[in-house]
Amino acid sequence: MLVGEIRVLHAGSRCAYGAPRIHAALRRAGRAVNSKKVERLMRKHRIVGITRRRRRSDPAGEAGGVRTRPDRPGLHRAPARDAARRRHD
C-alpha cells in the first residue's frame, strides 16, 4: 500500500522528508505516482516533514525593510530608491 511506503521512507529520513522528497524517492524506487497524490495522502495521515535550518533574525524587522501603510492593510510599499532624486552632500 502506498501509505505504508510513504511511512517507511519518511521514517528512514528521520521524519525530515516532506512530500516533494518522498515523491522523488518513490519515483526513484520505480513507483509511478502523482506528486499531488503523495501530498494528499501525507496531509490526510498527518505525515509532516521538518525543517532543520535555523531561522536567521532579520535586522530590518519582520517586514524586511518594507514600509507598510496602516490606512490600507495589505498594501506594502518599498522605500523610494531613485538615485536621480538623492542628493549627496
PDB file of N, CA and C in Angstrom:
ATOM      1  N   MET A   1       0.849  -1.182   0.000  1.00  0.00           N
ATOM      2  CA  MET A   1       0.000   0.000   0.000  1.00  0.00           C
ATOM      3  C   MET A   1       0.891   1.239   0.000  1.00  0.00           C
ATOM      4  N   LEU A   2       0.433   2.263  -0.656  1.00  0.00           N
ATOM      5  CA  LEU A   2       1.241   3.467  -0.858  1.00  0.00           C
ATOM      6  C   LEU A   2       1.520   4.208   0.445  1.00  0.00           C
ATOM      7  N   VAL A   3       0.552   4.281   1.333  1.00  0.00           N
ATOM      8  CA  VAL A   3       0.757   4.991   2.603  1.00  0.00           C
ATOM      9  C   VAL A   3       1.838   4.296   3.424  1.00  0.00           C
ATOM     10  N   GLY A   4       1.887   2.987   3.377  1.00  0.00           N
ATOM     11  CA  GLY A   4       2.919   2.244   4.081  1.00  0.00           C
ATOM     12  C   GLY A   4       4.306   2.560   3.540  1.00  0.00           C
ATOM     13  N   GLU A   5       4.425   2.661   2.214  1.00  0.00           N
ATOM     14  CA  GLU A   5       5.708   3.016   1.612  1.00  0.00           C
ATOM     15  C   GLU A   5       6.114   4.435   1.998  1.00  0.00           C
ATOM     16  N   ILE A   6       5.134   5.329   2.028  1.00  0.00           N
ATOM     17  CA  ILE A   6       5.413   6.720   2.421  1.00  0.00           C
ATOM     18  C   ILE A   6       5.911   6.756   3.862  1.00  0.00           C
ATOM     19  N   ARG A   7       5.255   6.000   4.739  1.00  0.00           N
ATOM     20  CA  ARG A   7       5.669   5.971   6.145  1.00  0.00           C
ATOM     21  C   ARG A   7       7.093   5.420   6.306  1.00  0.00           C
ATOM     22  N   VAL A   8       7.433   4.385   5.538  1.00  0.00           N
ATOM     23  CA  VAL A   8       8.778   3.799   5.621  1.00  0.00           C
ATOM     24  C   VAL A   8       9.823   4.811   5.166  1.00  0.00           C
ATOM     25  N   LEU A   9       9.578   5.480   4.033  1.00  0.00           N
ATOM     26  CA  LEU A   9      10.521   6.483   3.535  1.00  0.00           C
ATOM     27  C   LEU A   9      10.638   7.659   4.499  1.00  0.00           C
ATOM     28  N   HIS A  10       9.518   8.057   5.066  1.00  0.00           N
ATOM     29  CA  HIS A  10       9.510   9.180   5.996  1.00  0.00           C
ATOM     30  C   HIS A  10      10.299   8.840   7.258  1.00  0.00           C
ATOM     31  N   ALA A  11      10.077   7.654   7.783  1.00  0.00           N
ATOM     32  CA  ALA A  11      10.808   7.222   8.979  1.00  0.00           C
ATOM     33  C   ALA A  11      12.292   7.049   8.668  1.00  0.00           C
ATOM     34  N   GLY A  12      12.610   6.576   7.470  1.00  0.00           N
ATOM     35  CA  GLY A  12      14.002   6.403   7.071  1.00  0.00           C
ATOM     36  C   GLY A  12      14.759   7.716   6.952  1.00  0.00           C
ATOM     37  N   SER A  13      14.021   8.803   6.760  1.00  0.00           N
ATOM     38  CA  SER A  13      14.653  10.126   6.678  1.00  0.00           C
ATOM     39  C   SER A  13      14.673  10.818   8.037  1.00  0.00           C
ATOM     40  N   ARG A  14      14.404  10.060   9.084  1.00  0.00           N
ATOM     41  CA  ARG A  14      14.280  10.612  10.449  1.00  0.00           C
ATOM     42  C   ARG A  14      13.186  11.678  10.504  1.00  0.00           C
ATOM     43  N   CYS A  15      12.100  11.406   9.796  1.00  0.00           N
ATOM     44  CA  CYS A  15      10.895  12.257   9.747  1.00  0.00           C
ATOM     45  C   CYS A  15      11.194  13.646   9.184  1.00  0.00           C
ATOM     46  N   ALA A  16      12.198  13.735   8.324  1.00  0.00           N
ATOM     47  CA  ALA A  16      12.576  15.044   7.789  1.00  0.00           C
ATOM     48  C   ALA A  16      11.975  15.303   6.409  1.00  0.00           C
ATOM     49  N   TYR A  17      11.760  14.261   5.616  1.00  0.00           N
ATOM     50  CA  TYR A  17      11.308  14.447   4.245  1.00  0.00           C
ATOM     51  C   TYR A  17       9.856  14.901   4.182  1.00  0.00           C
ATOM     52  N   GLY A  18       9.601  15.859   3.327  1.00  0.00           N
ATOM     53  CA  GLY A  18       8.246  16.290   3.028  1.00  0.00           C
ATOM     54  C   GLY A  18       7.778  15.622   1.746  1.00  0.00           C
ATOM     55  N   ALA A  19       6.652  16.079   1.237  1.00  0.00           N
ATOM     56  CA  ALA A  19       6.046  15.458   0.059  1.00  0.00           C
ATOM     57  C   ALA A  19       6.947  15.487  -1.177  1.00  0.00           C
ATOM     58  N   PRO A  20       7.656  16.590  -1.487  1.00  0.00           N
ATOM     59  CA  PRO A  20       8.482  16.560  -2.705  1.00  0.00           C
ATOM     60  C   PRO A  20       9.588  15.505  -2.665  1.00  0.00           C
ATOM     61  N   ARG A  21      10.255  15.369  -1.532  1.00  0.00           N
ATOM     62  CA  ARG A  21      11.330  14.378  -1.434  1.00  0.00           C
ATOM     63  C   ARG A  21      10.782  12.956  -1.386  1.00  0.00           C
ATOM     64  N   ILE A  22       9.668  12.770  -0.714  1.00  0.00           N
ATOM     65  CA  ILE A  22       9.042  11.445  -0.676  1.00  0.00           C
ATOM     66  C   ILE A  22       8.634  11.044  -2.085  1.00  0.00           C
ATOM     67  N   HIS A  23       8.043  11.976  -2.819  1.00  0.00           N
ATOM     68  CA  HIS A  23       7.636  11.705  -4.197  1.00  0.00           C
ATOM     69  C   HIS A  23       8.848  11.317  -5.046  1.00  0.00           C
ATOM     70  N   ALA A  24       9.954  12.061  -4.898  1.00  0.00           N
ATOM     71  CA  ALA A  24      11.160  11.755  -5.663  1.00  0.00           C
ATOM     72  C   ALA A  24      11.707  10.374  -5.301  1.00  0.00           C
ATOM     73  N   ALA A  25      11.677  10.041  -4.028  1.00  0.00           N
ATOM     74  CA  ALA A  25      12.173   8.729  -3.588  1.00  0.00           C
ATOM     75  C   ALA A  25      11.297   7.601  -4.145  1.00  0.00           C
ATOM     76  N   LEU A  26      10.001   7.817  -4.176  1.00  0.00           N
ATOM     77  CA  LEU A  26       9.096   6.815  -4.735  1.00  0.00           C
ATOM     78  C   LEU A  26       9.358   6.632  -6.225  1.00  0.00           C
ATOM     79  N   ARG A  27       9.599   7.734  -6.929  1.00  0.00           N
ATOM     80  CA  ARG A  27       9.880   7.653  -8.364  1.00  0.00           C
ATOM     81  C   ARG A  27      11.191   6.908  -8.618  1.00  0.00           C
ATOM     82  N   ARG A  28      12.207   7.204  -7.785  1.00  0.00           N
ATOM     83  CA  ARG A  28      13.492   6.500  -7.927  1.00  0.00           C
ATOM     84  C   ARG A  28      13.333   5.003  -7.672  1.00  0.00           C
ATOM     85  N   ALA A  29      12.409   4.651  -6.796  1.00  0.00           N
ATOM     86  CA  ALA A  29      12.170   3.246  -6.482  1.00  0.00           C
ATOM     87  C   ALA A  29      11.330   2.552  -7.550  1.00  0.00           C
ATOM     88  N   GLY A  30      10.939   3.300  -8.582  1.00  0.00           N
ATOM     89  CA  GLY A  30      10.177   2.701  -9.674  1.00  0.00           C
ATOM     90  C   GLY A  30       8.676   2.764  -9.497  1.00  0.00           C
ATOM     91  N   ARG A  31       8.221   3.514  -8.530  1.00  0.00           N
ATOM     92  CA  ARG A  31       6.787   3.645  -8.278  1.00  0.00           C
ATOM     93  C   ARG A  31       6.246   4.857  -9.027  1.00  0.00           C
ATOM     94  N   ALA A  32       5.375   4.652 -10.009  1.00  0.00           N
ATOM     95  CA  ALA A  32       4.785   5.746 -10.778  1.00  0.00           C
ATOM     96  C   ALA A  32       3.598   6.296  -9.990  1.00  0.00           C
ATOM     97  N   VAL A  33       3.810   7.449  -9.380  1.00  0.00           N
ATOM     98  CA  VAL A  33       2.769   8.037  -8.546  1.00  0.00           C
ATOM     99  C   VAL A  33       2.779   9.548  -8.753  1.00  0.00           C
ATOM    100  N   ASN A  34       1.624  10.140  -8.694  1.00  0.00           N
ATOM    101  CA  ASN A  34       1.477  11.578  -8.871  1.00  0.00           C
ATOM    102  C   ASN A  34       1.889  12.314  -7.594  1.00  0.00           C
ATOM    103  N   SER A  35       2.572  13.455  -7.754  1.00  0.00           N
ATOM    104  CA  SER A  35       3.035  14.219  -6.586  1.00  0.00           C
ATOM    105  C   SER A  35       1.863  14.731  -5.748  1.00  0.00           C
ATOM    106  N   LYS A  36       0.767  15.072  -6.416  1.00  0.00           N
ATOM    107  CA  LYS A  36      -0.397  15.576  -5.669  1.00  0.00           C
ATOM    108  C   LYS A  36      -1.026  14.482  -4.818  1.00  0.00           C
ATOM    109  N   LYS A  37      -0.959  13.252  -5.293  1.00  0.00           N
ATOM    110  CA  LYS A  37      -1.489  12.143  -4.506  1.00  0.00           C
ATOM    111  C   LYS A  37      -0.637  11.936  -3.260  1.00  0.00           C
ATOM    112  N   VAL A  38       0.696  12.047  -3.410  1.00  0.00           N
ATOM    113  CA  VAL A  38       1.591  11.916  -2.261  1.00  0.00           C
ATOM    114  C   VAL A  38       1.278  13.018  -1.256  1.00  0.00           C
ATOM    115  N   GLU A  39       1.135  14.257  -1.735  1.00  0.00           N
ATOM    116  CA  GLU A  39       0.799  15.372  -0.848  1.00  0.00           C
ATOM    117  C   GLU A  39      -0.519  15.122  -0.123  1.00  0.00           C
ATOM    118  N   ARG A  40      -1.522  14.665  -0.866  1.00  0.00           N
ATOM    119  CA  ARG A  40      -2.850  14.432  -0.279  1.00  0.00           C
ATOM    120  C   ARG A  40      -2.807  13.343   0.787  1.00  0.00           C
ATOM    121  N   LEU A  41      -2.099  12.245   0.491  1.00  0.00           N
ATOM    122  CA  LEU A  41      -2.017  11.152   1.459  1.00  0.00           C
ATOM    123  C   LEU A  41      -1.240  11.562   2.710  1.00  0.00           C
ATOM    124  N   MET A  42      -0.157  12.319   2.499  1.00  0.00           N
ATOM    125  CA  MET A  42       0.615  12.760   3.656  1.00  0.00           C
ATOM    126  C   MET A  42      -0.215  13.714   4.523  1.00  0.00           C
ATOM    127  N   ARG A  43      -0.960  14.579   3.894  1.00  0.00           N
ATOM    128  CA  ARG A  43      -1.807  15.510   4.652  1.00  0.00           C
ATOM    129  C   ARG A  43      -2.904  14.752   5.394  1.00  0.00           C
ATOM    130  N   LYS A  44      -3.533  13.778   4.721  1.00  0.00           N
ATOM    131  CA  LYS A  44      -4.627  13.006   5.317  1.00  0.00           C
ATOM    132  C   LYS A  44      -4.147  12.194   6.528  1.00  0.00           C
ATOM    133  N   HIS A  45      -2.942  11.636   6.436  1.00  0.00           N
ATOM    134  CA  HIS A  45      -2.421  10.792   7.513  1.00  0.00           C
ATOM    135  C   HIS A  45      -1.483  11.538   8.450  1.00  0.00           C
ATOM    136  N   ARG A  46      -1.456  12.851   8.307  1.00  0.00           N
ATOM    137  CA  ARG A  46      -0.663  13.743   9.170  1.00  0.00           C
ATOM    138  C   ARG A  46       0.812  13.352   9.217  1.00  0.00           C
ATOM    139  N   ILE A  47       1.375  13.110   8.044  1.00  0.00           N
ATOM    140  CA  ILE A  47       2.801  12.827   7.918  1.00  0.00           C
ATOM    141  C   ILE A  47       3.452  14.133   7.467  1.00  0.00           C
ATOM    142  N   VAL A  48       4.289  14.698   8.317  1.00  0.00           N
ATOM    143  CA  VAL A  48       4.839  16.025   8.071  1.00  0.00           C
ATOM    144  C   VAL A  48       6.350  15.992   8.182  1.00  0.00           C
ATOM    145  N   GLY A  49       7.020  16.636   7.245  1.00  0.00           N
ATOM    146  CA  GLY A  49       8.472  16.767   7.312  1.00  0.00           C
ATOM    147  C   GLY A  49       8.852  17.898   8.250  1.00  0.00           C
ATOM    148  N   ILE A  50      10.137  17.946   8.606  1.00  0.00           N
ATOM    149  CA  ILE A  50      10.597  19.009   9.490  1.00  0.00           C
ATOM    150  C   ILE A  50      11.624  19.859   8.769  1.00  0.00           C
ATOM    151  N   THR A  51      11.793  21.077   9.243  1.00  0.00           N
ATOM    152  CA  THR A  51      12.799  21.981   8.722  1.00  0.00           C
ATOM    153  C   THR A  51      13.948  22.000   9.706  1.00  0.00           C
ATOM    154  N   ARG A  52      15.125  21.674   9.221  1.00  0.00           N
ATOM    155  CA  ARG A  52      16.283  21.618  10.114  1.00  0.00           C
ATOM    156  C   ARG A  52      17.118  22.883  10.050  1.00  0.00           C
ATOM    157  N   ARG A  53      16.780  23.782   9.178  1.00  0.00           N
ATOM    158  CA  ARG A  53      17.550  25.006   9.049  1.00  0.00           C
ATOM    159  C   ARG A  53      17.171  25.979  10.145  1.00  0.00           C
ATOM    160  N   ARG A  54      18.157  26.691  10.626  1.00  0.00           N
ATOM    161  CA  ARG A  54      17.878  27.716  11.623  1.00  0.00           C
ATOM    162  C   ARG A  54      17.333  28.949  10.935  1.00  0.00           C
ATOM    163  N   ARG A  55      16.416  29.571  11.560  1.00  0.00           N
ATOM    164  CA  ARG A  55      15.887  30.824  11.044  1.00  0.00           C
ATOM    165  C   ARG A  55      16.809  31.948  11.478  1.00  0.00           C
ATOM    166  N   ARG A  56      17.161  32.797  10.563  1.00  0.00           N
ATOM    167  CA  ARG A  56      18.023  33.921  10.904  1.00  0.00           C
ATOM    168  C   ARG A  56      17.158  35.123  11.214  1.00  0.00           C
ATOM    169  N   SER A  57      17.568  35.868  12.221  1.00  0.00           N
ATOM    170  CA  SER A  57      16.798  37.052  12.570  1.00  0.00           C
ATOM    171  C   SER A  57      17.023  38.121  11.511  1.00  0.00           C
ATOM    172  N   ASP A  58      16.019  38.896  11.266  1.00  0.00           N
ATOM    173  CA  ASP A  58      16.073  39.939  10.246  1.00  0.00           C
ATOM    174  C   ASP A  58      16.327  41.267  10.933  1.00  0.00           C
ATOM    175  N   PRO A  59      17.494  41.890  10.711  1.00  0.00           N
ATOM    176  CA  PRO A  59      17.792  43.155  11.390  1.00  0.00           C
ATOM    177  C   PRO A  59      16.867  44.290  10.971  1.00  0.00           C
ATOM    178  N   ALA A  60      16.239  44.178   9.817  1.00  0.00           N
ATOM    179  CA  ALA A  60      15.347  45.239   9.349  1.00  0.00           C
ATOM    180  C   ALA A  60      13.934  45.060   9.899  1.00  0.00           C
ATOM    181  N   GLY A  61      13.702  44.043  10.662  1.00  0.00           N
ATOM    182  CA  GLY A  61      12.365  43.789  11.193  1.00  0.00           C
ATOM    183  C   GLY A  61      11.663  42.736  10.364  1.00  0.00           C
ATOM    184  N   GLU A  62      10.478  42.380  10.764  1.00  0.00           N
ATOM    185  CA  GLU A  62       9.754  41.321  10.072  1.00  0.00           C
ATOM    186  C   GLU A  62       9.338  41.719   8.666  1.00  0.00           C
ATOM    187  N   ALA A  63       9.135  43.010   8.440  1.00  0.00           N
ATOM    188  CA  ALA A  63       8.682  43.450   7.122  1.00  0.00           C
ATOM    189  C   ALA A  63       9.835  43.490   6.125  1.00  0.00           C
ATOM    190  N   GLY A  64      11.060  43.267   6.570  1.00  0.00           N
ATOM    191  CA  GLY A  64      12.183  43.242   5.661  1.00  0.00           C
ATOM    192  C   GLY A  64      12.533  44.593   5.092  1.00  0.00           C
ATOM    193  N   GLY A  65      12.324  45.635   5.869  1.00  0.00           N
ATOM    194  CA  GLY A  65      12.654  46.968   5.397  1.00  0.00           C
ATOM    195  C   GLY A  65      11.568  47.593   4.541  1.00  0.00           C
ATOM    196  N   VAL A  66      10.440  46.929   4.413  1.00  0.00           N
ATOM    197  CA  VAL A  66       9.346  47.447   3.607  1.00  0.00           C
ATOM    198  C   VAL A  66       8.398  48.219   4.499  1.00  0.00           C
ATOM    199  N   ARG A  67       8.093  49.402   4.090  1.00  0.00           N
ATOM    200  CA  ARG A  67       7.154  50.211   4.876  1.00  0.00           C
ATOM    201  C   ARG A  67       5.737  49.784   4.555  1.00  0.00           C
ATOM    202  N   THR A  68       4.927  49.703   5.572  1.00  0.00           N
ATOM    203  CA  THR A  68       3.533  49.341   5.358  1.00  0.00           C
ATOM    204  C   THR A  68       2.660  50.553   5.584  1.00  0.00           C
ATOM    205  N   ARG A  69       1.510  50.527   4.980  1.00  0.00           N
ATOM    206  CA  ARG A  69       0.583  51.644   5.142  1.00  0.00           C
ATOM    207  C   ARG A  69      -0.552  51.199   6.045  1.00  0.00           C
ATOM    208  N   PRO A  70      -0.614  51.726   7.277  1.00  0.00           N
ATOM    209  CA  PRO A  70      -1.656  51.277   8.201  1.00  0.00           C
ATOM    210  C   PRO A  70      -3.060  51.652   7.755  1.00  0.00           C
ATOM    211  N   ASP A  71      -3.185  52.699   6.931  1.00  0.00           N
ATOM    212  CA  ASP A  71      -4.515  53.088   6.485  1.00  0.00           C
ATOM    213  C   ASP A  71      -5.046  52.146   5.411  1.00  0.00           C
ATOM    214  N   ARG A  72      -4.161  51.383   4.764  1.00  0.00           N
ATOM    215  CA  ARG A  72      -4.576  50.429   3.746  1.00  0.00           C
ATOM    216  C   ARG A  72      -3.897  49.087   4.021  1.00  0.00           C
ATOM    217  N   PRO A  73      -4.486  48.247   4.893  1.00  0.00           N
ATOM    218  CA  PRO A  73      -3.854  46.978   5.236  1.00  0.00           C
ATOM    219  C   PRO A  73      -3.683  46.091   4.009  1.00  0.00           C
ATOM    220  N   GLY A  74      -2.565  45.397   3.997  1.00  0.00           N
ATOM    221  CA  GLY A  74      -2.292  44.500   2.886  1.00  0.00           C
ATOM    222  C   GLY A  74      -1.503  45.157   1.775  1.00  0.00           C
ATOM    223  N   LEU A  75      -1.376  46.481   1.811  1.00  0.00           N
ATOM    224  CA  LEU A  75      -0.639  47.189   0.778  1.00  0.00           C
ATOM    225  C   LEU A  75       0.743  47.517   1.307  1.00  0.00           C
ATOM    226  N   HIS A  76       1.745  47.013   0.646  1.00  0.00           N
ATOM    227  CA  HIS A  76       3.119  47.236   1.079  1.00  0.00           C
ATOM    228  C   HIS A  76       3.841  48.051   0.017  1.00  0.00           C
ATOM    229  N   ARG A  77       4.552  49.035   0.453  1.00  0.00           N
ATOM    230  CA  ARG A  77       5.330  49.851  -0.470  1.00  0.00           C
ATOM    231  C   ARG A  77       6.783  49.844  -0.027  1.00  0.00           C
ATOM    232  N   ALA A  78       7.656  49.607  -0.963  1.00  0.00           N
ATOM    233  CA  ALA A  78       9.082  49.660  -0.665  1.00  0.00           C
ATOM    234  C   ALA A  78       9.516  51.118  -0.644  1.00  0.00           C
ATOM    235  N   PRO A  79      10.538  51.458   0.122  1.00  0.00           N
ATOM    236  CA  PRO A  79      11.025  52.827   0.147  1.00  0.00           C
ATOM    237  C   PRO A  79      11.547  53.236  -1.228  1.00  0.00           C
ATOM    238  N   ALA A  80      11.392  54.510  -1.554  1.00  0.00           N
ATOM    239  CA  ALA A  80      11.853  55.011  -2.847  1.00  0.00           C
ATOM    240  C   ALA A  80      13.368  54.918  -2.917  1.00  0.00           C
ATOM    241  N   ARG A  81      13.875  54.392  -4.003  1.00  0.00           N
ATOM    242  CA  ARG A  81      15.312  54.222  -4.172  1.00  0.00           C
ATOM    243  C   ARG A  81      15.776  54.848  -5.484  1.00  0.00           C
ATOM    244  N   ASP A  82      15.179  55.931  -5.861  1.00  0.00           N
ATOM    245  CA  ASP A  82      15.525  56.577  -7.106  1.00  0.00           C
ATOM    246  C   ASP A  82      16.835  57.346  -6.929  1.00  0.00           C
ATOM    247  N   ALA A  83      17.878  56.914  -7.602  1.00  0.00           N
ATOM    248  CA  ALA A  83      19.202  57.526  -7.442  1.00  0.00           C
ATOM    249  C   ALA A  83      19.240  58.949  -7.971  1.00  0.00           C
ATOM    250  N   ALA A  84      18.409  59.279  -8.941  1.00  0.00           N
ATOM    251  CA  ALA A  84      18.432  60.616  -9.518  1.00  0.00           C
ATOM    252  C   ALA A  84      17.914  61.659  -8.536  1.00  0.00           C
ATOM    253  N   ARG A  85      17.086  61.250  -7.611  1.00  0.00           N
ATOM    254  CA  ARG A  85      16.499  62.207  -6.648  1.00  0.00           C
ATOM    255  C   ARG A  85      17.336  62.396  -5.400  1.00  0.00           C
ATOM    256  N   ARG A  86      18.297  61.529  -5.196  1.00  0.00           N
ATOM    257  CA  ARG A  86      19.119  61.626  -3.994  1.00  0.00           C
ATOM    258  C   ARG A  86      20.148  62.738  -4.140  1.00  0.00           C
ATOM    259  N   ARG A  87      20.394  63.408  -3.039  1.00  0.00           N
ATOM    260  CA  ARG A  87      21.423  64.434  -3.018  1.00  0.00           C
ATOM    261  C   ARG A  87      22.555  63.945  -2.142  1.00  0.00           C
ATOM    262  N   HIS A  88      23.719  64.004  -2.675  1.00  0.00           N
ATOM    263  CA  HIS A  88      24.886  63.599  -1.907  1.00  0.00           C
ATOM    264  C   HIS A  88      25.628  64.853  -1.491  1.00  0.00           C
ATOM    265  N   ASP A  89      25.577  65.183  -0.211  1.00  0.00           N
ATOM    266  CA  ASP A  89      26.255  66.390   0.290  1.00  0.00           C
ATOM    267  C   ASP A  89      27.653  66.101   0.740  1.00  0.00           C
TER     268      ASP A  89
END
